[in-house]
PDB file of N, CA and C in Angstrom:
ATOM      1  N   MET A   1     -25.238 -26.540  10.241  1.00  0.00           N
ATOM      2  CA  MET A   1     -23.659 -26.142  10.392  1.00  0.00           C
ATOM      3  C   MET A   1     -23.524 -24.873  10.028  1.00  0.00           C
ATOM      4  N   ASN A   2     -22.706 -24.117  10.859  1.00  0.00           N
ATOM      5  CA  ASN A   2     -22.444 -22.722  10.560  1.00  0.00           C
ATOM      6  C   ASN A   2     -21.766 -22.542   9.168  1.00  0.00           C
ATOM      7  N   PRO A   3     -22.105 -21.744   8.458  1.00  0.00           N
ATOM      8  CA  PRO A   3     -21.374 -21.438   7.226  1.00  0.00           C
ATOM      9  C   PRO A   3     -19.924 -20.988   6.914  1.00  0.00           C
ATOM     10  N   TYR A   4     -19.451 -20.597   8.306  1.00  0.00           N
ATOM     11  CA  TYR A   4     -18.089 -20.041   8.261  1.00  0.00           C
ATOM     12  C   TYR A   4     -17.150 -21.226   8.964  1.00  0.00           C
ATOM     13  N   VAL A   5     -17.611 -22.250   9.075  1.00  0.00           N
ATOM     14  CA  VAL A   5     -16.838 -23.363   9.605  1.00  0.00           C
ATOM     15  C   VAL A   5     -15.844 -23.970   8.377  1.00  0.00           C
ATOM     16  N   PRO A   6     -16.354 -24.219   7.228  1.00  0.00           N
ATOM     17  CA  PRO A   6     -15.401 -24.524   6.188  1.00  0.00           C
ATOM     18  C   PRO A   6     -14.402 -23.463   5.888  1.00  0.00           C
ATOM     19  N   VAL A   7     -14.824 -22.328   5.962  1.00  0.00           N
ATOM     20  CA  VAL A   7     -13.782 -21.225   5.666  1.00  0.00           C
ATOM     21  C   VAL A   7     -12.671 -21.286   6.801  1.00  0.00           C
ATOM     22  N   ALA A   8     -13.138 -21.227   7.954  1.00  0.00           N
ATOM     23  CA  ALA A   8     -12.136 -21.424   9.085  1.00  0.00           C
ATOM     24  C   ALA A   8     -11.204 -22.581   8.946  1.00  0.00           C
ATOM     25  N   PHE A   9     -11.945 -23.743   8.644  1.00  0.00           N
ATOM     26  CA  PHE A   9     -10.988 -25.057   8.480  1.00  0.00           C
ATOM     27  C   PHE A   9      -9.942 -24.771   7.270  1.00  0.00           C
ATOM     28  N   ALA A  10     -10.416 -24.163   6.251  1.00  0.00           N
ATOM     29  CA  ALA A  10      -9.496 -23.970   5.140  1.00  0.00           C
ATOM     30  C   ALA A  10      -8.423 -23.073   5.455  1.00  0.00           C
ATOM     31  N   ILE A  11      -8.702 -22.109   6.211  1.00  0.00           N
ATOM     32  CA  ILE A  11      -7.601 -21.202   6.711  1.00  0.00           C
ATOM     33  C   ILE A  11      -6.659 -21.810   7.763  1.00  0.00           C
ATOM     34  N   LEU A  12      -7.336 -22.738   8.531  1.00  0.00           N
ATOM     35  CA  LEU A  12      -6.374 -23.361   9.467  1.00  0.00           C
ATOM     36  C   LEU A  12      -5.518 -24.420   8.800  1.00  0.00           C
ATOM     37  N   ILE A  13      -6.109 -25.060   7.822  1.00  0.00           N
ATOM     38  CA  ILE A  13      -5.177 -26.011   6.944  1.00  0.00           C
ATOM     39  C   ILE A  13      -4.118 -25.100   6.153  1.00  0.00           C
ATOM     40  N   ALA A  14      -4.468 -24.010   5.725  1.00  0.00           N
ATOM     41  CA  ALA A  14      -3.491 -23.327   5.119  1.00  0.00           C
ATOM     42  C   ALA A  14      -2.323 -22.761   5.960  1.00  0.00           C
ATOM     43  N   ILE A  15      -2.729 -22.314   7.224  1.00  0.00           N
ATOM     44  CA  ILE A  15      -1.707 -22.052   8.206  1.00  0.00           C
ATOM     45  C   ILE A  15      -0.906 -23.178   8.639  1.00  0.00           C
ATOM     46  N   VAL A  16      -1.540 -24.438   8.856  1.00  0.00           N
ATOM     47  CA  VAL A  16      -0.533 -25.507   9.186  1.00  0.00           C
ATOM     48  C   VAL A  16       0.326 -25.973   8.055  1.00  0.00           C
ATOM     49  N   PHE A  17      -0.184 -26.017   6.834  1.00  0.00           N
ATOM     50  CA  PHE A  17       0.611 -26.423   5.774  1.00  0.00           C
ATOM     51  C   PHE A  17       1.750 -25.599   5.519  1.00  0.00           C
ATOM     52  N   SER A  18       1.502 -24.203   5.733  1.00  0.00           N
ATOM     53  CA  SER A  18       2.595 -23.367   5.396  1.00  0.00           C
ATOM     54  C   SER A  18       3.715 -23.250   6.627  1.00  0.00           C
ATOM     55  N   LEU A  19       3.284 -23.453   7.700  1.00  0.00           N
ATOM     56  CA  LEU A  19       4.138 -23.691   8.852  1.00  0.00           C
ATOM     57  C   LEU A  19       5.016 -24.956   8.800  1.00  0.00           C
ATOM     58  N   VAL A  20       4.298 -26.128   8.199  1.00  0.00           N
ATOM     59  CA  VAL A  20       5.056 -27.287   8.168  1.00  0.00           C
ATOM     60  C   VAL A  20       6.147 -27.324   7.053  1.00  0.00           C
ATOM     61  N   PHE A  21       5.651 -26.727   5.931  1.00  0.00           N
ATOM     62  CA  PHE A  21       6.503 -26.424   4.680  1.00  0.00           C
ATOM     63  C   PHE A  21       7.802 -25.633   5.140  1.00  0.00           C
ATOM     64  N   VAL A  22       7.543 -24.567   5.672  1.00  0.00           N
ATOM     65  CA  VAL A  22       8.751 -23.617   6.216  1.00  0.00           C
ATOM     66  C   VAL A  22       9.559 -24.328   7.094  1.00  0.00           C
ATOM     67  N   GLY A  23       9.024 -25.059   8.058  1.00  0.00           N
ATOM     68  CA  GLY A  23       9.786 -25.712   8.895  1.00  0.00           C
ATOM     69  C   GLY A  23      10.540 -26.904   8.262  1.00  0.00           C
ATOM     70  N   LEU A  24       9.907 -27.652   7.345  1.00  0.00           N
ATOM     71  CA  LEU A  24      10.825 -28.685   6.660  1.00  0.00           C
ATOM     72  C   LEU A  24      11.876 -28.236   5.886  1.00  0.00           C
ATOM     73  N   SER A  25      11.699 -26.970   5.101  1.00  0.00           N
ATOM     74  CA  SER A  25      12.747 -26.418   4.417  1.00  0.00           C
ATOM     75  C   SER A  25      13.884 -25.930   5.298  1.00  0.00           C
ATOM     76  N   TYR A  26      13.451 -25.399   6.389  1.00  0.00           N
ATOM     77  CA  TYR A  26      14.697 -24.925   7.246  1.00  0.00           C
ATOM     78  C   TYR A  26      15.411 -26.154   7.741  1.00  0.00           C
ATOM     79  N   TYR A  27      14.724 -27.123   8.135  1.00  0.00           N
ATOM     80  CA  TYR A  27      15.318 -28.365   8.707  1.00  0.00           C
ATOM     81  C   TYR A  27      16.236 -29.109   7.688  1.00  0.00           C
ATOM     82  N   PHE A  28      15.758 -29.359   6.452  1.00  0.00           N
ATOM     83  CA  PHE A  28      16.339 -30.173   5.364  1.00  0.00           C
ATOM     84  C   PHE A  28      17.192 -29.313   4.402  1.00  0.00           C
ATOM     85  N   GLY A  29      16.948 -27.961   4.350  1.00  0.00           N
ATOM     86  CA  GLY A  29      17.449 -26.983   3.421  1.00  0.00           C
ATOM     87  C   GLY A  29      18.993 -27.096   3.626  1.00  0.00           C
ATOM     88  N   PRO A  30      19.734 -26.682   2.544  1.00  0.00           N
ATOM     89  CA  PRO A  30      21.091 -26.585   2.643  1.00  0.00           C
ATOM     90  C   PRO A  30      21.474 -25.186   3.289  1.00  0.00           C
ATOM     91  N   ARG A  31      22.612 -25.347   4.153  1.00  0.00           N
ATOM     92  CA  ARG A  31      23.135 -24.035   4.667  1.00  0.00           C
ATOM     93  C   ARG A  31      24.460 -23.743   4.269  1.00  0.00           C
ATOM     94  N   ARG A  32      24.711 -23.017   3.232  1.00  0.00           N
ATOM     95  CA  ARG A  32      26.038 -22.797   2.782  1.00  0.00           C
ATOM     96  C   ARG A  32      26.166 -21.224   2.601  1.00  0.00           C
ATOM     97  N   PRO A  33      26.228 -20.387   3.799  1.00  0.00           N
ATOM     98  CA  PRO A  33      26.437 -19.036   3.632  1.00  0.00           C
ATOM     99  C   PRO A  33      27.803 -18.529   2.944  1.00  0.00           C
ATOM    100  N   THR A  34      27.744 -17.763   2.004  1.00  0.00           N
ATOM    101  CA  THR A  34      28.964 -17.195   1.554  1.00  0.00           C
ATOM    102  C   THR A  34      28.942 -15.616   1.753  1.00  0.00           C
ATOM    103  N   LYS A  35      30.161 -15.046   1.370  1.00  0.00           N
ATOM    104  CA  LYS A  35      30.108 -13.584   1.732  1.00  0.00           C
ATOM    105  C   LYS A  35      29.221 -12.991   0.556  1.00  0.00           C
ATOM    106  N   THR A  36      29.029 -13.533  -0.563  1.00  0.00           N
ATOM    107  CA  THR A  36      28.064 -12.858  -1.593  1.00  0.00           C
ATOM    108  C   THR A  36      26.543 -12.958  -1.064  1.00  0.00           C
ATOM    109  N   LYS A  37      26.274 -14.224  -0.637  1.00  0.00           N
ATOM    110  CA  LYS A  37      24.908 -14.566  -0.129  1.00  0.00           C
ATOM    111  C   LYS A  37      24.451 -13.585   1.165  1.00  0.00           C
ATOM    112  N   THR A  38      25.493 -13.273   1.988  1.00  0.00           N
ATOM    113  CA  THR A  38      25.106 -12.602   3.189  1.00  0.00           C
ATOM    114  C   THR A  38      25.253 -11.063   2.968  1.00  0.00           C
ATOM    115  N   ALA A  39      25.688 -10.608   1.824  1.00  0.00           N
ATOM    116  CA  ALA A  39      25.825  -9.233   1.648  1.00  0.00           C
ATOM    117  C   ALA A  39      24.518  -8.597   1.369  1.00  0.00           C
ATOM    118  N   VAL A  40      24.505  -7.362   1.680  1.00  0.00           N
ATOM    119  CA  VAL A  40      23.239  -6.441   1.451  1.00  0.00           C
ATOM    120  C   VAL A  40      23.164  -6.286  -0.003  1.00  0.00           C
ATOM    121  N   TYR A  41      21.899  -6.475  -0.656  1.00  0.00           N
ATOM    122  CA  TYR A  41      21.507  -6.322  -1.919  1.00  0.00           C
ATOM    123  C   TYR A  41      20.722  -4.914  -2.295  1.00  0.00           C
ATOM    124  N   GLU A  42      21.406  -4.157  -3.007  1.00  0.00           N
ATOM    125  CA  GLU A  42      20.703  -2.898  -3.427  1.00  0.00           C
ATOM    126  C   GLU A  42      20.482  -2.606  -4.971  1.00  0.00           C
ATOM    127  N   CYS A  43      19.619  -3.350  -5.450  1.00  0.00           N
ATOM    128  CA  CYS A  43      19.482  -3.178  -6.953  1.00  0.00           C
ATOM    129  C   CYS A  43      20.637  -3.452  -7.699  1.00  0.00           C
ATOM    130  N   GLY A  44      21.324  -4.557  -7.335  1.00  0.00           N
ATOM    131  CA  GLY A  44      22.488  -4.893  -8.162  1.00  0.00           C
ATOM    132  C   GLY A  44      23.602  -3.909  -8.042  1.00  0.00           C
ATOM    133  N   MET A  45      23.586  -2.920  -7.229  1.00  0.00           N
ATOM    134  CA  MET A  45      24.903  -2.156  -7.094  1.00  0.00           C
ATOM    135  C   MET A  45      25.462  -2.362  -5.747  1.00  0.00           C
ATOM    136  N   PRO A  46      26.656  -2.316  -5.587  1.00  0.00           N
ATOM    137  CA  PRO A  46      27.268  -2.501  -4.296  1.00  0.00           C
ATOM    138  C   PRO A  46      26.839  -1.345  -3.178  1.00  0.00           C
ATOM    139  N   PRO A  47      26.532  -1.623  -1.950  1.00  0.00           N
ATOM    140  CA  PRO A  47      25.952  -0.615  -1.030  1.00  0.00           C
ATOM    141  C   PRO A  47      26.980   0.392  -0.908  1.00  0.00           C
ATOM    142  N   VAL A  48      26.567   1.680  -0.490  1.00  0.00           N
ATOM    143  CA  VAL A  48      27.392   2.628  -0.312  1.00  0.00           C
ATOM    144  C   VAL A  48      26.998   3.244   1.035  1.00  0.00           C
ATOM    145  N   GLY A  49      27.995   3.439   1.921  1.00  0.00           N
ATOM    146  CA  GLY A  49      27.707   3.744   3.333  1.00  0.00           C
ATOM    147  C   GLY A  49      27.312   2.755   4.259  1.00  0.00           C
ATOM    148  N   THR A  50      27.084   3.003   5.386  1.00  0.00           N
ATOM    149  CA  THR A  50      26.542   1.910   6.319  1.00  0.00           C
ATOM    150  C   THR A  50      25.054   1.820   6.304  1.00  0.00           C
ATOM    151  N   THR A  51      24.751   0.741   7.089  1.00  0.00           N
ATOM    152  CA  THR A  51      23.297   0.448   7.064  1.00  0.00           C
ATOM    153  C   THR A  51      22.609   1.414   8.041  1.00  0.00           C
ATOM    154  N   ARG A  52      23.266   2.141   9.074  1.00  0.00           N
ATOM    155  CA  ARG A  52      22.648   3.145   9.833  1.00  0.00           C
ATOM    156  C   ARG A  52      22.702   4.371   9.427  1.00  0.00           C
ATOM    157  N   GLN A  53      22.945   4.630   8.112  1.00  0.00           N
ATOM    158  CA  GLN A  53      22.879   6.067   7.502  1.00  0.00           C
ATOM    159  C   GLN A  53      21.526   6.555   7.515  1.00  0.00           C
ATOM    160  N   ARG A  54      21.406   7.936   7.869  1.00  0.00           N
ATOM    161  CA  ARG A  54      20.119   8.612   7.845  1.00  0.00           C
ATOM    162  C   ARG A  54      19.815   9.225   6.446  1.00  0.00           C
ATOM    163  N   PHE A  55      18.540   8.917   6.389  1.00  0.00           N
ATOM    164  CA  PHE A  55      17.926   9.355   5.022  1.00  0.00           C
ATOM    165  C   PHE A  55      17.142  10.660   5.319  1.00  0.00           C
ATOM    166  N   SER A  56      17.139  11.610   4.344  1.00  0.00           N
ATOM    167  CA  SER A  56      16.454  12.891   4.413  1.00  0.00           C
ATOM    168  C   SER A  56      14.854  12.499   4.528  1.00  0.00           C
ATOM    169  N   VAL A  57      14.174  13.349   5.388  1.00  0.00           N
ATOM    170  CA  VAL A  57      12.758  13.211   5.522  1.00  0.00           C
ATOM    171  C   VAL A  57      12.045  13.366   4.245  1.00  0.00           C
ATOM    172  N   LYS A  58      12.697  14.194   3.237  1.00  0.00           N
ATOM    173  CA  LYS A  58      11.939  14.212   2.065  1.00  0.00           C
ATOM    174  C   LYS A  58      11.572  13.084   1.323  1.00  0.00           C
ATOM    175  N   PHE A  59      12.310  11.977   1.528  1.00  0.00           N
ATOM    176  CA  PHE A  59      12.056  10.700   0.865  1.00  0.00           C
ATOM    177  C   PHE A  59      10.783  10.159   1.450  1.00  0.00           C
ATOM    178  N   TYR A  60      10.588  10.162   2.777  1.00  0.00           N
ATOM    179  CA  TYR A  60       9.360   9.813   3.459  1.00  0.00           C
ATOM    180  C   TYR A  60       8.344  10.691   3.151  1.00  0.00           C
ATOM    181  N   MET A  61       8.358  11.879   2.911  1.00  0.00           N
ATOM    182  CA  MET A  61       7.411  12.918   2.508  1.00  0.00           C
ATOM    183  C   MET A  61       6.938  12.509   1.266  1.00  0.00           C
ATOM    184  N   VAL A  62       7.728  12.356   0.224  1.00  0.00           N
ATOM    185  CA  VAL A  62       7.355  11.911  -1.156  1.00  0.00           C
ATOM    186  C   VAL A  62       6.362  10.643  -1.117  1.00  0.00           C
ATOM    187  N   ALA A  63       6.857   9.647  -0.238  1.00  0.00           N
ATOM    188  CA  ALA A  63       6.111   8.448  -0.114  1.00  0.00           C
ATOM    189  C   ALA A  63       4.879   8.599   0.348  1.00  0.00           C
ATOM    190  N   VAL A  64       4.812   9.233   1.497  1.00  0.00           N
ATOM    191  CA  VAL A  64       3.404   9.548   2.160  1.00  0.00           C
ATOM    192  C   VAL A  64       2.590  10.324   1.320  1.00  0.00           C
ATOM    193  N   LEU A  65       3.031  11.424   0.543  1.00  0.00           N
ATOM    194  CA  LEU A  65       2.120  12.129  -0.259  1.00  0.00           C
ATOM    195  C   LEU A  65       1.668  11.357  -1.594  1.00  0.00           C
ATOM    196  N   PHE A  66       2.665  10.413  -1.964  1.00  0.00           N
ATOM    197  CA  PHE A  66       2.152   9.735  -3.154  1.00  0.00           C
ATOM    198  C   PHE A  66       1.133   8.769  -2.644  1.00  0.00           C
ATOM    199  N   LEU A  67       1.243   8.100  -1.388  1.00  0.00           N
ATOM    200  CA  LEU A  67       0.095   7.237  -1.027  1.00  0.00           C
ATOM    201  C   LEU A  67      -1.109   7.835  -0.813  1.00  0.00           C
ATOM    202  N   LEU A  68      -1.108   9.058  -0.215  1.00  0.00           N
ATOM    203  CA  LEU A  68      -2.287   9.923   0.196  1.00  0.00           C
ATOM    204  C   LEU A  68      -2.898  10.067  -1.074  1.00  0.00           C
ATOM    205  N   PHE A  69      -2.420  10.847  -2.183  1.00  0.00           N
ATOM    206  CA  PHE A  69      -3.072  11.240  -3.320  1.00  0.00           C
ATOM    207  C   PHE A  69      -3.291  10.150  -4.207  1.00  0.00           C
ATOM    208  N   ASP A  70      -2.524   9.078  -4.303  1.00  0.00           N
ATOM    209  CA  ASP A  70      -2.845   8.016  -4.969  1.00  0.00           C
ATOM    210  C   ASP A  70      -3.996   7.182  -4.725  1.00  0.00           C
ATOM    211  N   LEU A  71      -4.207   7.038  -3.339  1.00  0.00           N
ATOM    212  CA  LEU A  71      -5.364   6.395  -2.854  1.00  0.00           C
ATOM    213  C   LEU A  71      -6.526   7.353  -3.029  1.00  0.00           C
ATOM    214  N   GLU A  72      -6.409   8.680  -2.948  1.00  0.00           N
ATOM    215  CA  GLU A  72      -7.599   9.401  -3.255  1.00  0.00           C
ATOM    216  C   GLU A  72      -8.072   9.431  -4.650  1.00  0.00           C
ATOM    217  N   ALA A  73      -7.080   9.153  -5.450  1.00  0.00           N
ATOM    218  CA  ALA A  73      -7.630   9.065  -6.872  1.00  0.00           C
ATOM    219  C   ALA A  73      -8.105   7.654  -7.288  1.00  0.00           C
ATOM    220  N   VAL A  74      -7.574   6.713  -6.478  1.00  0.00           N
ATOM    221  CA  VAL A  74      -8.199   5.302  -6.719  1.00  0.00           C
ATOM    222  C   VAL A  74      -9.707   5.281  -6.390  1.00  0.00           C
ATOM    223  N   PHE A  75      -9.997   6.147  -5.254  1.00  0.00           N
ATOM    224  CA  PHE A  75     -11.507   6.208  -4.925  1.00  0.00           C
ATOM    225  C   PHE A  75     -12.342   6.919  -5.984  1.00  0.00           C
ATOM    226  N   LEU A  76     -11.785   7.509  -6.844  1.00  0.00           N
ATOM    227  CA  LEU A  76     -12.636   8.049  -7.902  1.00  0.00           C
ATOM    228  C   LEU A  76     -13.042   7.122  -8.859  1.00  0.00           C
ATOM    229  N   TYR A  77     -12.514   6.045  -9.181  1.00  0.00           N
ATOM    230  CA  TYR A  77     -12.798   4.936 -10.124  1.00  0.00           C
ATOM    231  C   TYR A  77     -14.029   4.267  -9.840  1.00  0.00           C
ATOM    232  N   PRO A  78     -14.273   3.796  -8.586  1.00  0.00           N
ATOM    233  CA  PRO A  78     -15.663   3.192  -8.405  1.00  0.00           C
ATOM    234  C   PRO A  78     -16.741   4.066  -8.477  1.00  0.00           C
ATOM    235  N   TRP A  79     -16.564   5.310  -8.167  1.00  0.00           N
ATOM    236  CA  TRP A  79     -17.653   6.235  -8.219  1.00  0.00           C
ATOM    237  C   TRP A  79     -17.977   6.640  -9.793  1.00  0.00           C
ATOM    238  N   ALA A  80     -16.860   6.791 -10.559  1.00  0.00           N
ATOM    239  CA  ALA A  80     -17.095   6.945 -11.989  1.00  0.00           C
ATOM    240  C   ALA A  80     -17.692   5.805 -12.601  1.00  0.00           C
ATOM    241  N   THR A  81     -17.252   4.642 -12.463  1.00  0.00           N
ATOM    242  CA  THR A  81     -17.886   3.335 -12.970  1.00  0.00           C
ATOM    243  C   THR A  81     -19.233   3.087 -12.604  1.00  0.00           C
ATOM    244  N   GLN A  82     -19.828   3.561 -11.251  1.00  0.00           N
ATOM    245  CA  GLN A  82     -21.114   3.267 -10.840  1.00  0.00           C
ATOM    246  C   GLN A  82     -22.003   4.538 -10.873  1.00  0.00           C
ATOM    247  N   TYR A  83     -21.539   5.515 -11.645  1.00  0.00           N
ATOM    248  CA  TYR A  83     -22.223   6.815 -11.659  1.00  0.00           C
ATOM    249  C   TYR A  83     -23.689   6.685 -12.069  1.00  0.00           C
ATOM    250  N   SER A  84     -23.823   5.935 -13.254  1.00  0.00           N
ATOM    251  CA  SER A  84     -25.246   5.893 -13.804  1.00  0.00           C
ATOM    252  C   SER A  84     -25.917   4.959 -12.864  1.00  0.00           C
ATOM    253  N   THR A  85     -25.630   4.125 -12.157  1.00  0.00           N
ATOM    254  CA  THR A  85     -26.345   3.200 -11.105  1.00  0.00           C
ATOM    255  C   THR A  85     -26.727   4.194 -10.003  1.00  0.00           C
ATOM    256  N   LEU A  86     -25.693   4.997  -9.575  1.00  0.00           N
ATOM    257  CA  LEU A  86     -26.065   5.899  -8.562  1.00  0.00           C
ATOM    258  C   LEU A  86     -27.094   6.751  -8.766  1.00  0.00           C
ATOM    259  N   LEU A  87     -27.276   7.241 -10.045  1.00  0.00           N
ATOM    260  CA  LEU A  87     -28.151   8.261 -10.505  1.00  0.00           C
ATOM    261  C   LEU A  87     -29.656   7.647 -10.329  1.00  0.00           C
ATOM    262  N   ASP A  88     -29.761   6.314 -10.536  1.00  0.00           N
ATOM    263  CA  ASP A  88     -30.960   5.658 -10.413  1.00  0.00           C
ATOM    264  C   ASP A  88     -31.469   5.608  -9.030  1.00  0.00           C
ATOM    265  N   SER A  89     -30.619   5.678  -8.035  1.00  0.00           N
ATOM    266  CA  SER A  89     -30.994   5.605  -6.631  1.00  0.00           C
ATOM    267  C   SER A  89     -31.059   6.977  -5.901  1.00  0.00           C
ATOM    268  N   PHE A  90     -30.264   7.909  -6.386  1.00  0.00           N
ATOM    269  CA  PHE A  90     -30.085   9.211  -5.583  1.00  0.00           C
ATOM    270  C   PHE A  90     -30.228  10.193  -6.505  1.00  0.00           C
ATOM    271  N   PRO A  91     -30.671  11.396  -6.174  1.00  0.00           N
ATOM    272  CA  PRO A  91     -30.733  12.647  -7.216  1.00  0.00           C
ATOM    273  C   PRO A  91     -29.235  12.909  -7.640  1.00  0.00           C
ATOM    274  N   GLY A  92     -29.217  13.422  -8.935  1.00  0.00           N
ATOM    275  CA  GLY A  92     -27.916  13.749  -9.555  1.00  0.00           C
ATOM    276  C   GLY A  92     -27.247  14.661  -8.745  1.00  0.00           C
ATOM    277  N   THR A  93     -27.928  15.833  -8.286  1.00  0.00           N
ATOM    278  CA  THR A  93     -27.133  16.820  -7.459  1.00  0.00           C
ATOM    279  C   THR A  93     -26.445  16.106  -6.268  1.00  0.00           C
ATOM    280  N   PHE A  94     -27.211  15.164  -5.727  1.00  0.00           N
ATOM    281  CA  PHE A  94     -26.599  14.620  -4.502  1.00  0.00           C
ATOM    282  C   PHE A  94     -25.369  13.832  -4.714  1.00  0.00           C
ATOM    283  N   VAL A  95     -25.295  13.170  -5.949  1.00  0.00           N
ATOM    284  CA  VAL A  95     -24.097  12.266  -6.428  1.00  0.00           C
ATOM    285  C   VAL A  95     -23.129  13.148  -6.532  1.00  0.00           C
ATOM    286  N   LEU A  96     -23.393  14.244  -7.485  1.00  0.00           N
ATOM    287  CA  LEU A  96     -22.244  15.174  -7.847  1.00  0.00           C
ATOM    288  C   LEU A  96     -21.711  15.903  -6.583  1.00  0.00           C
ATOM    289  N   GLY A  97     -22.672  16.348  -5.700  1.00  0.00           N
ATOM    290  CA  GLY A  97     -22.407  17.089  -4.481  1.00  0.00           C
ATOM    291  C   GLY A  97     -21.400  16.226  -3.473  1.00  0.00           C
ATOM    292  N   GLU A  98     -21.724  14.937  -3.313  1.00  0.00           N
ATOM    293  CA  GLU A  98     -20.864  14.103  -2.653  1.00  0.00           C
ATOM    294  C   GLU A  98     -19.450  14.032  -3.205  1.00  0.00           C
ATOM    295  N   MET A  99     -19.387  13.932  -4.611  1.00  0.00           N
ATOM    296  CA  MET A  99     -17.927  13.941  -5.217  1.00  0.00           C
ATOM    297  C   MET A  99     -17.287  15.207  -5.093  1.00  0.00           C
ATOM    298  N   ALA A 100     -18.068  16.296  -5.081  1.00  0.00           N
ATOM    299  CA  ALA A 100     -17.456  17.583  -4.893  1.00  0.00           C
ATOM    300  C   ALA A 100     -16.930  17.804  -3.612  1.00  0.00           C
ATOM    301  N   VAL A 101     -17.550  17.251  -2.599  1.00  0.00           N
ATOM    302  CA  VAL A 101     -17.063  17.411  -1.228  1.00  0.00           C
ATOM    303  C   VAL A 101     -15.783  16.482  -1.135  1.00  0.00           C
ATOM    304  N   PHE A 102     -15.788  15.402  -1.722  1.00  0.00           N
ATOM    305  CA  PHE A 102     -14.566  14.347  -1.615  1.00  0.00           C
ATOM    306  C   PHE A 102     -13.486  15.214  -2.294  1.00  0.00           C
ATOM    307  N   LEU A 103     -13.615  15.787  -3.447  1.00  0.00           N
ATOM    308  CA  LEU A 103     -12.586  16.458  -4.254  1.00  0.00           C
ATOM    309  C   LEU A 103     -12.172  17.772  -3.601  1.00  0.00           C
ATOM    310  N   GLY A 104     -13.167  18.381  -2.964  1.00  0.00           N
ATOM    311  CA  GLY A 104     -12.744  19.569  -2.103  1.00  0.00           C
ATOM    312  C   GLY A 104     -11.747  19.318  -0.922  1.00  0.00           C
ATOM    313  N   VAL A 105     -12.046  18.306  -0.229  1.00  0.00           N
ATOM    314  CA  VAL A 105     -11.078  17.794   0.647  1.00  0.00           C
ATOM    315  C   VAL A 105      -9.690  17.344   0.310  1.00  0.00           C
ATOM    316  N   LEU A 106      -9.659  16.631  -0.941  1.00  0.00           N
ATOM    317  CA  LEU A 106      -8.549  16.324  -1.545  1.00  0.00           C
ATOM    318  C   LEU A 106      -7.765  17.634  -2.044  1.00  0.00           C
ATOM    319  N   PHE A 107      -8.403  18.635  -2.644  1.00  0.00           N
ATOM    320  CA  PHE A 107      -7.699  19.843  -2.911  1.00  0.00           C
ATOM    321  C   PHE A 107      -7.338  20.730  -1.761  1.00  0.00           C
ATOM    322  N   ILE A 108      -8.118  20.779  -0.801  1.00  0.00           N
ATOM    323  CA  ILE A 108      -7.643  21.386   0.556  1.00  0.00           C
ATOM    324  C   ILE A 108      -6.202  20.911   0.907  1.00  0.00           C
ATOM    325  N   GLY A 109      -6.265  19.527   0.965  1.00  0.00           N
ATOM    326  CA  GLY A 109      -4.938  18.917   1.412  1.00  0.00           C
ATOM    327  C   GLY A 109      -3.831  19.194   0.324  1.00  0.00           C
ATOM    328  N   TRP A 110      -4.163  19.184  -0.854  1.00  0.00           N
ATOM    329  CA  TRP A 110      -3.087  19.566  -2.014  1.00  0.00           C
ATOM    330  C   TRP A 110      -2.550  20.988  -1.629  1.00  0.00           C
ATOM    331  N   PHE A 111      -3.548  21.824  -1.543  1.00  0.00           N
ATOM    332  CA  PHE A 111      -3.227  23.256  -1.085  1.00  0.00           C
ATOM    333  C   PHE A 111      -2.323  23.451   0.040  1.00  0.00           C
ATOM    334  N   TYR A 112      -2.742  22.716   1.054  1.00  0.00           N
ATOM    335  CA  TYR A 112      -2.097  22.737   2.169  1.00  0.00           C
ATOM    336  C   TYR A 112      -0.527  22.254   2.097  1.00  0.00           C
ATOM    337  N   CYS A 113      -0.469  21.100   1.398  1.00  0.00           N
ATOM    338  CA  CYS A 113       1.087  20.587   1.157  1.00  0.00           C
ATOM    339  C   CYS A 113       1.811  21.621   0.250  1.00  0.00           C
ATOM    340  N   LEU A 114       1.131  22.197  -0.721  1.00  0.00           N
ATOM    341  CA  LEU A 114       1.717  23.249  -1.558  1.00  0.00           C
ATOM    342  C   LEU A 114       2.134  24.419  -0.775  1.00  0.00           C
ATOM    343  N   LYS A 115       1.348  24.913   0.101  1.00  0.00           N
ATOM    344  CA  LYS A 115       1.685  25.997   0.866  1.00  0.00           C
ATOM    345  C   LYS A 115       2.803  25.675   1.925  1.00  0.00           C
ATOM    346  N   ARG A 116       2.793  24.547   2.491  1.00  0.00           N
ATOM    347  CA  ARG A 116       3.960  24.111   3.452  1.00  0.00           C
ATOM    348  C   ARG A 116       5.303  23.803   2.756  1.00  0.00           C
ATOM    349  N   GLY A 117       5.333  23.826   1.373  1.00  0.00           N
ATOM    350  CA  GLY A 117       6.516  23.450   0.611  1.00  0.00           C
ATOM    351  C   GLY A 117       6.880  21.968   0.481  1.00  0.00           C
ATOM    352  N   ALA A 118       5.779  21.164   0.781  1.00  0.00           N
ATOM    353  CA  ALA A 118       6.205  19.724   0.710  1.00  0.00           C
ATOM    354  C   ALA A 118       6.453  19.177  -0.617  1.00  0.00           C
ATOM    355  N   PHE A 119       5.922  19.833  -1.678  1.00  0.00           N
ATOM    356  CA  PHE A 119       6.428  19.451  -3.041  1.00  0.00           C
ATOM    357  C   PHE A 119       7.740  19.815  -3.646  1.00  0.00           C
ATOM    358  N   GLN A 120       8.407  20.935  -2.836  1.00  0.00           N
ATOM    359  CA  GLN A 120       9.694  21.542  -3.254  1.00  0.00           C
ATOM    360  C   GLN A 120      10.736  20.572  -2.726  1.00  0.00           C
ATOM    361  N   TRP A 121      11.569  20.020  -3.640  1.00  0.00           N
ATOM    362  CA  TRP A 121      12.745  19.013  -3.325  1.00  0.00           C
ATOM    363  C   TRP A 121      13.952  19.705  -2.669  1.00  0.00           C
ATOM    364  N   ASP A 122      14.212  20.799  -2.983  1.00  0.00           N
ATOM    365  CA  ASP A 122      15.364  21.497  -2.575  1.00  0.00           C
ATOM    366  C   ASP A 122      15.167  22.130  -1.301  1.00  0.00           C
TER     367      ASP A 122
END
């Protein structure tokens, strides 16, 4: 028997059960919409403006830059935790050189964003 059959079967059962329960809750669930329930929720504050209001690109730039540099920093942790194990398999200069290349690319991106003014809010 293929070892992936039980995994595929479990995924199939999970999908079927979730669809059945969502369907049952939609069919049997109460439908009492009120003005409060259908209103837009923004952190407990009443919404200001319309839903079609344009946002500044700076908000998106901050989000993208955060994801970029946060993910880059997260990639440092596995390397730091496995450093001694890596030294057993590879020479020390290779391990440090690879991380230097990684950090070099990260800093090139950081300097590029700094030069382009992506970190300035005004």
